[in-house]
N, C-alpha and C. Protein backbone atom coordinates (compact mmCIF):
# COMPACT_ATOMS: atom_id res chain seq x y z
N UNK A 1 -20.98 24.23 -73.68
CA UNK A 1 -21.02 22.14 -73.39
C UNK A 1 -21.71 22.53 -71.96
N UNK A 2 -22.95 21.60 -71.93
CA UNK A 2 -23.99 20.90 -71.42
C UNK A 2 -23.53 20.20 -69.81
N UNK A 3 -23.51 21.00 -68.54
CA UNK A 3 -23.67 19.97 -67.63
C UNK A 3 -24.25 19.29 -67.99
N UNK A 4 -23.84 17.82 -68.22
CA UNK A 4 -24.56 16.51 -68.04
C UNK A 4 -25.61 16.20 -66.59
N UNK A 5 -24.65 16.30 -65.38
CA UNK A 5 -25.20 15.67 -64.19
C UNK A 5 -26.01 16.90 -64.15
N UNK A 6 -25.76 18.23 -64.31
CA UNK A 6 -26.37 18.70 -63.64
C UNK A 6 -28.26 19.09 -64.17
N UNK A 7 -28.42 18.39 -65.78
CA UNK A 7 -29.70 18.73 -65.86
C UNK A 7 -29.45 17.54 -65.57
N UNK A 8 -29.17 16.20 -65.35
CA UNK A 8 -30.78 14.81 -65.41
C UNK A 8 -30.63 15.46 -64.12
N UNK A 9 -30.13 16.06 -63.56
CA UNK A 9 -30.75 16.21 -61.43
C UNK A 9 -31.66 16.89 -61.87
N UNK A 10 -31.40 18.04 -63.09
CA UNK A 10 -33.16 18.73 -62.81
C UNK A 10 -34.14 17.69 -63.99
N UNK A 11 -33.95 16.85 -64.59
CA UNK A 11 -34.67 15.91 -64.91
C UNK A 11 -35.66 15.16 -63.63
N UNK A 12 -35.04 14.46 -62.75
CA UNK A 12 -35.53 13.12 -61.58
C UNK A 12 -35.59 14.82 -60.77
N UNK A 13 -35.01 16.17 -60.21
CA UNK A 13 -36.42 16.91 -59.35
C UNK A 13 -37.55 17.91 -59.93
N UNK A 14 -37.90 17.37 -60.88
CA UNK A 14 -39.06 17.68 -61.72
C UNK A 14 -39.83 16.69 -62.60
N UNK A 15 -39.87 15.66 -61.88
CA UNK A 15 -40.42 13.93 -62.87
C UNK A 15 -40.86 13.67 -63.38
N UNK A 16 -39.39 14.28 -64.28
CA UNK A 16 -38.99 13.28 -65.02
C UNK A 16 -38.77 12.02 -65.85
N UNK A 17 -38.94 11.73 -67.03
CA UNK A 17 -37.60 11.04 -67.64
C UNK A 17 -37.41 11.08 -68.60
N UNK A 18 -36.08 10.72 -69.27
CA UNK A 18 -35.21 10.85 -70.02
C UNK A 18 -36.11 11.03 -71.20
N UNK A 19 -36.24 9.70 -71.63
CA UNK A 19 -37.05 9.37 -72.27
C UNK A 19 -39.24 10.18 -72.29
N UNK A 20 -39.30 10.80 -71.74
CA UNK A 20 -40.77 11.87 -70.90
C UNK A 20 -40.49 12.60 -71.94
N UNK A 21 -39.27 13.48 -71.29
CA UNK A 21 -38.66 14.68 -71.95
C UNK A 21 -38.45 14.66 -72.55
N UNK A 22 -37.45 13.85 -74.07
CA UNK A 22 -37.64 13.42 -75.40
C UNK A 22 -39.05 14.14 -75.84
N UNK A 23 -40.40 13.16 -75.22
CA UNK A 23 -41.13 13.50 -76.41
C UNK A 23 -42.41 14.39 -76.26
N UNK A 24 -41.41 15.23 -75.25
CA UNK A 24 -42.05 16.52 -75.14
C UNK A 24 -41.34 17.38 -76.05
N UNK A 25 -39.53 17.15 -76.23
CA UNK A 25 -39.29 17.66 -76.98
C UNK A 25 -39.27 17.33 -78.07
N UNK A 26 -40.55 16.45 -78.49
CA UNK A 26 -41.13 16.35 -80.64
C UNK A 26 -39.02 15.40 -80.85
N UNK A 27 -38.12 14.61 -79.85
CA UNK A 27 -37.68 14.21 -80.22
C UNK A 27 -38.08 12.49 -80.54
N UNK A 28 -36.94 11.98 -80.88
CA UNK A 28 -36.90 10.30 -79.85
C UNK A 28 -36.33 9.94 -78.36
N UNK A 29 -36.64 8.73 -78.02
CA UNK A 29 -35.42 9.07 -76.96
C UNK A 29 -33.77 8.56 -77.32
N UNK A 30 -34.41 7.62 -78.15
CA UNK A 30 -32.55 7.60 -78.56
C UNK A 30 -31.46 8.82 -78.69
N UNK A 31 -31.96 9.63 -79.84
CA UNK A 31 -31.43 10.78 -80.06
C UNK A 31 -31.31 11.96 -79.16
N UNK A 32 -32.68 11.84 -77.55
CA UNK A 32 -31.94 12.85 -76.38
C UNK A 32 -31.55 11.86 -76.06
N UNK A 33 -30.70 10.65 -75.86
CA UNK A 33 -29.37 9.76 -75.21
C UNK A 33 -28.20 10.15 -76.29
N UNK A 34 -28.46 10.02 -77.68
CA UNK A 34 -27.73 10.51 -78.14
C UNK A 34 -26.38 11.83 -77.85
N UNK A 35 -27.83 12.95 -78.41
CA UNK A 35 -27.80 14.15 -77.65
C UNK A 35 -26.88 14.17 -76.41
N UNK A 36 -27.53 13.24 -75.62
CA UNK A 36 -27.21 13.77 -74.08
C UNK A 36 -25.76 13.09 -73.57
N UNK A 37 -25.14 12.81 -74.21
CA UNK A 37 -24.07 11.86 -74.96
C UNK A 37 -22.46 12.80 -75.46
N UNK A 38 -23.35 12.94 -77.15
CA UNK A 38 -22.17 14.46 -76.94
C UNK A 38 -22.60 15.71 -76.29
N UNK A 39 -23.39 16.10 -75.08
CA UNK A 39 -23.41 17.16 -74.76
C UNK A 39 -24.01 17.61 -75.68
N UNK A 40 -24.96 18.21 -76.86
CA UNK A 40 -25.42 18.96 -77.56
C UNK A 40 -26.90 19.13 -78.10
N UNK A 41 -26.71 20.36 -78.16
CA UNK A 41 -28.19 20.49 -77.78
C UNK A 41 -28.41 21.37 -78.50
N UNK A 42 -29.59 22.10 -79.04
CA UNK A 42 -30.14 23.69 -80.65
C UNK A 42 -31.38 24.12 -79.31
N UNK A 43 -30.37 25.61 -79.79
CA UNK A 43 -31.57 26.29 -78.99
C UNK A 43 -32.78 26.22 -78.91
N UNK A 44 -33.60 25.95 -79.54
CA UNK A 44 -35.24 25.44 -79.22
C UNK A 44 -35.25 24.19 -78.05
N UNK A 45 -34.21 23.22 -78.37
CA UNK A 45 -34.55 22.26 -77.86
C UNK A 45 -33.95 22.73 -75.51
N UNK A 46 -34.01 23.76 -76.63
CA UNK A 46 -32.87 24.35 -74.67
C UNK A 46 -33.54 24.46 -74.35
N UNK A 47 -34.17 26.14 -75.40
CA UNK A 47 -35.71 26.86 -74.66
C UNK A 47 -36.57 25.61 -73.76
N UNK A 48 -37.43 24.35 -74.81
CA UNK A 48 -38.01 23.88 -74.39
C UNK A 48 -37.68 23.01 -72.14
N UNK A 49 -36.20 22.39 -72.90
CA UNK A 49 -35.80 22.14 -71.51
C UNK A 49 -36.37 22.55 -70.25
N UNK A 50 -35.62 24.38 -70.34
CA UNK A 50 -35.75 25.89 -69.66
C UNK A 50 -36.52 26.29 -68.99
N UNK A 51 -38.56 25.55 -69.93
CA UNK A 51 -39.40 25.76 -69.99
C UNK A 51 -40.35 24.89 -69.13
N UNK A 52 -40.11 23.36 -69.36
CA UNK A 52 -40.47 22.05 -69.33
C UNK A 52 -40.33 21.98 -67.56
N UNK A 53 -38.78 22.31 -67.16
CA UNK A 53 -38.04 21.69 -65.78
C UNK A 53 -37.37 23.28 -65.42
N UNK A 54 -38.64 24.28 -65.25
CA UNK A 54 -38.00 25.31 -64.72
C UNK A 54 -37.26 25.78 -64.00
N UNK A 55 -36.22 26.28 -64.95
CA UNK A 55 -33.95 25.62 -64.80
C UNK A 55 -34.21 27.50 -64.48
N UNK A 56 -33.90 27.37 -63.27
CA UNK A 56 -34.25 29.08 -63.14
C UNK A 56 -32.95 29.90 -63.42
N UNK A 57 -30.96 28.73 -63.55
CA UNK A 57 -30.42 29.41 -64.20
C UNK A 57 -30.31 28.87 -65.17
N UNK A 58 -30.07 29.12 -66.52
CA UNK A 58 -29.70 28.09 -67.07
C UNK A 58 -28.50 27.54 -67.88
N UNK A 59 -27.96 28.20 -66.86
CA UNK A 59 -26.25 29.08 -67.84
C UNK A 59 -26.09 28.25 -67.00
N UNK A 60 -26.01 27.53 -65.56
CA UNK A 60 -24.94 27.10 -65.58
C UNK A 60 -25.24 25.36 -65.73
N UNK A 61 -26.47 25.51 -66.39
CA UNK A 61 -26.50 23.79 -66.91
C UNK A 61 -26.06 24.06 -68.16
N UNK A 62 -26.34 25.27 -69.17
CA UNK A 62 -26.59 24.28 -70.66
C UNK A 62 -25.33 25.71 -71.06
N UNK A 63 -24.47 26.47 -70.70
CA UNK A 63 -23.19 26.97 -71.15
C UNK A 63 -21.60 26.82 -70.14
N UNK A 64 -21.87 25.67 -69.61
CA UNK A 64 -20.40 25.44 -69.57
C UNK A 64 -19.05 25.57 -69.85
N UNK A 65 -17.78 25.92 -69.56
CA UNK A 65 -16.28 26.41 -70.41
C UNK A 65 -16.69 25.05 -70.19
N UNK A 66 -16.43 24.29 -69.27
CA UNK A 66 -15.58 22.33 -70.12
C UNK A 66 -16.48 22.08 -69.77
N UNK A 67 -16.90 19.95 -70.92
CA UNK A 67 -17.77 19.55 -70.12
C UNK A 67 -17.93 18.80 -68.97
N UNK A 68 -18.30 18.39 -69.28
CA UNK A 68 -18.62 16.77 -67.65
C UNK A 68 -19.03 15.75 -67.97
């Protein structure tokens, strides 16, 4: 499961909006919001977020044991 709160913090910390990040990932903002709500992204999408947001510890955000 994805730690949504930590992901949102990384998005803001890097000066992105969810809409802008969705565009960078090649998905619509609506699709991005739905994926955030479910806490499920594909591995390619996760890699784009890691690279774009310069996430140093992706395990903490993308592979948590329980949903937040």
